[in-house]
C-alpha atoms as a PDB file:
ATOM      1  CA  MET A   1     -20.919   3.968 -17.056  1.00  0.00           C
ATOM      2  CA  LEU A   2     -20.898   7.707 -16.396  1.00  0.00           C
ATOM      3  CA  LEU A   3     -19.032   9.030 -13.344  1.00  0.00           C
ATOM      4  CA  ASP A   4     -18.748  12.583 -11.995  1.00  0.00           C
ATOM      5  CA  HIS A   5     -15.762  14.493 -10.652  1.00  0.00           C
ATOM      6  CA  THR A   6     -16.704  17.788  -9.009  1.00  0.00           C
ATOM      7  CA  THR A   7     -14.032  20.475  -8.862  1.00  0.00           C
ATOM      8  CA  SER A   8     -13.488  24.218  -9.194  1.00  0.00           C
ATOM      9  CA  SER A   9     -14.056  25.853 -12.571  1.00  0.00           C
ATOM     10  CA  GLU A  10     -10.327  26.619 -12.865  1.00  0.00           C
ATOM     11  CA  THR A  11      -9.313  23.014 -12.181  1.00  0.00           C
ATOM     12  CA  ALA A  12     -12.006  21.710 -14.552  1.00  0.00           C
ATOM     13  CA  ASP A  13     -10.450  23.784 -17.344  1.00  0.00           C
ATOM     14  CA  LEU A  14      -7.019  22.274 -16.581  1.00  0.00           C
ATOM     15  CA  VAL A  15      -8.427  18.726 -16.521  1.00  0.00           C
ATOM     16  CA  VAL A  16     -10.074  19.241 -19.904  1.00  0.00           C
ATOM     17  CA  GLN A  17      -6.796  20.632 -21.285  1.00  0.00           C
ATOM     18  CA  ASP A  18      -4.243  18.273 -19.656  1.00  0.00           C
ATOM     19  CA  GLY A  19      -6.219  15.343 -18.170  1.00  0.00           C
ATOM     20  CA  PHE A  20      -6.579  14.242 -14.574  1.00  0.00           C
ATOM     21  CA  ARG A  21      -3.644  14.191 -12.182  1.00  0.00           C
ATOM     22  CA  ASP A  22      -3.599  11.933  -9.149  1.00  0.00           C
ATOM     23  CA  GLY A  23      -4.153  13.720  -5.874  1.00  0.00           C
ATOM     24  CA  ARG A  24      -3.238  12.520  -2.368  1.00  0.00           C
ATOM     25  CA  ASP A  25      -5.747  12.818   0.442  1.00  0.00           C
ATOM     26  CA  HIS A  26      -7.545  10.851   3.111  1.00  0.00           C
ATOM     27  CA  TYR A  27     -10.799  10.977   1.121  1.00  0.00           C
ATOM     28  CA  MET A  28     -12.907  10.719   4.275  1.00  0.00           C
ATOM     29  CA  THR A  29     -10.848   7.776   5.603  1.00  0.00           C
ATOM     30  CA  LYS A  30      -8.044   7.399   8.161  1.00  0.00           C
ATOM     31  CA  LEU A  31      -5.548   6.288   5.493  1.00  0.00           C
ATOM     32  CA  GLU A  32      -3.962   8.399   2.779  1.00  0.00           C
ATOM     33  CA  HIS A  33      -4.865   7.405  -0.791  1.00  0.00           C
ATOM     34  CA  SER A  34      -3.802   8.639  -4.210  1.00  0.00           C
ATOM     35  CA  GLY A  35      -5.924   8.938  -7.313  1.00  0.00           C
ATOM     36  CA  VAL A  36      -8.921  10.836  -8.637  1.00  0.00           C
ATOM     37  CA  TRP A  37     -12.253  10.786  -6.816  1.00  0.00           C
ATOM     38  CA  LEU A  38     -15.185   9.808  -9.047  1.00  0.00           C
ATOM     39  CA  SER A  39     -18.806   9.226  -8.042  1.00  0.00           C
ATOM     40  CA  ASP A  40     -21.904   7.825  -9.683  1.00  0.00           C
ATOM     41  CA  GLU A  41     -23.729  10.984  -8.578  1.00  0.00           C
ATOM     42  CA  PRO A  42     -22.579  14.615  -8.242  1.00  0.00           C
ATOM     43  CA  LEU A  43     -21.166  15.295  -4.768  1.00  0.00           C
ATOM     44  CA  ASP A  44     -21.492  18.586  -2.922  1.00  0.00           C
ATOM     45  CA  GLU A  45     -19.161  19.868  -0.207  1.00  0.00           C
ATOM     46  CA  GLN A  46     -20.993  17.898   2.506  1.00  0.00           C
ATOM     47  CA  ASP A  47     -20.341  14.681   0.582  1.00  0.00           C
ATOM     48  CA  GLY A  48     -16.659  15.409  -0.078  1.00  0.00           C
ATOM     49  CA  GLY A  49     -17.110  17.178  -3.403  1.00  0.00           C
ATOM     50  CA  ALA A  50     -16.206  20.723  -4.346  1.00  0.00           C
ATOM     51  CA  THR A  51     -18.244  23.680  -5.491  1.00  0.00           C
ATOM     52  CA  GLY A  52     -17.869  24.450  -9.160  1.00  0.00           C
ATOM     53  CA  ASP A  53     -18.074  22.246 -12.207  1.00  0.00           C
ATOM     54  CA  ALA A  54     -18.783  18.548 -12.592  1.00  0.00           C
ATOM     55  CA  ILE A  55     -16.688  16.704 -15.156  1.00  0.00           C
ATOM     56  CA  VAL A  56     -18.458  13.632 -16.492  1.00  0.00           C
ATOM     57  CA  VAL A  57     -16.276  10.659 -17.421  1.00  0.00           C
ATOM     58  CA  GLU A  58     -17.467   7.675 -19.438  1.00  0.00           C
ATOM     59  CA  ILE A  59     -15.594   4.549 -18.377  1.00  0.00           C
ATOM     60  CA  THR A  60     -16.345   0.834 -18.440  1.00  0.00           C
ATOM     61  CA  GLU A  61     -17.442  -0.868 -15.255  1.00  0.00           C
ATOM     62  CA  GLU A  62     -14.655  -3.437 -15.652  1.00  0.00           C
ATOM     63  CA  VAL A  63     -12.044  -0.672 -15.374  1.00  0.00           C
ATOM     64  CA  VAL A  64     -13.721   0.921 -12.343  1.00  0.00           C
ATOM     65  CA  ARG A  65     -14.546  -2.191 -10.325  1.00  0.00           C
ATOM     66  CA  PRO A  66     -11.029  -2.829  -8.836  1.00  0.00           C
ATOM     67  CA  TYR A  67     -11.005   0.727  -7.439  1.00  0.00           C
ATOM     68  CA  GLU A  68     -14.638   0.934  -6.342  1.00  0.00           C
ATOM     69  CA  TRP A  69     -15.543   1.957  -2.794  1.00  0.00           C
ATOM     70  CA  VAL A  70     -19.129   1.281  -1.781  1.00  0.00           C
ATOM     71  CA  GLU A  71     -20.461   3.596   0.882  1.00  0.00           C
ATOM     72  CA  THR A  72     -22.381   1.434   3.336  1.00  0.00           C
ATOM     73  CA  SER A  73     -24.559   4.236   4.766  1.00  0.00           C
ATOM     74  CA  SER A  74     -26.312   4.930   1.441  1.00  0.00           C
ATOM     75  CA  THR A  75     -26.719   3.563  -2.061  1.00  0.00           C
ATOM     76  CA  SER A  76     -23.927   5.738  -3.475  1.00  0.00           C
ATOM     77  CA  THR A  77     -21.030   3.923  -5.125  1.00  0.00           C
ATOM     78  CA  LEU A  78     -17.723   5.686  -4.712  1.00  0.00           C
ATOM     79  CA  GLY A  79     -14.610   5.208  -6.807  1.00  0.00           C
ATOM     80  CA  ARG A  80     -11.157   6.591  -6.597  1.00  0.00           C
END
């Protein structure tokens, strides 16, 4: 499956060079979480994404499923 991570151009360059690094944030929840936010569709700022570049990651569904968050107000599947 293909998943997107939207970030600034500068951070995208660092991710390509060094890989992802876990972040810590509330990710639109009341609890703090750590990890990398991935989505099955590009997110803009209103959806919790950033302006800049989208990094596309190919990863198997079996790896993603334990971390998957399903947004109940739309059909978007969210992962961390």
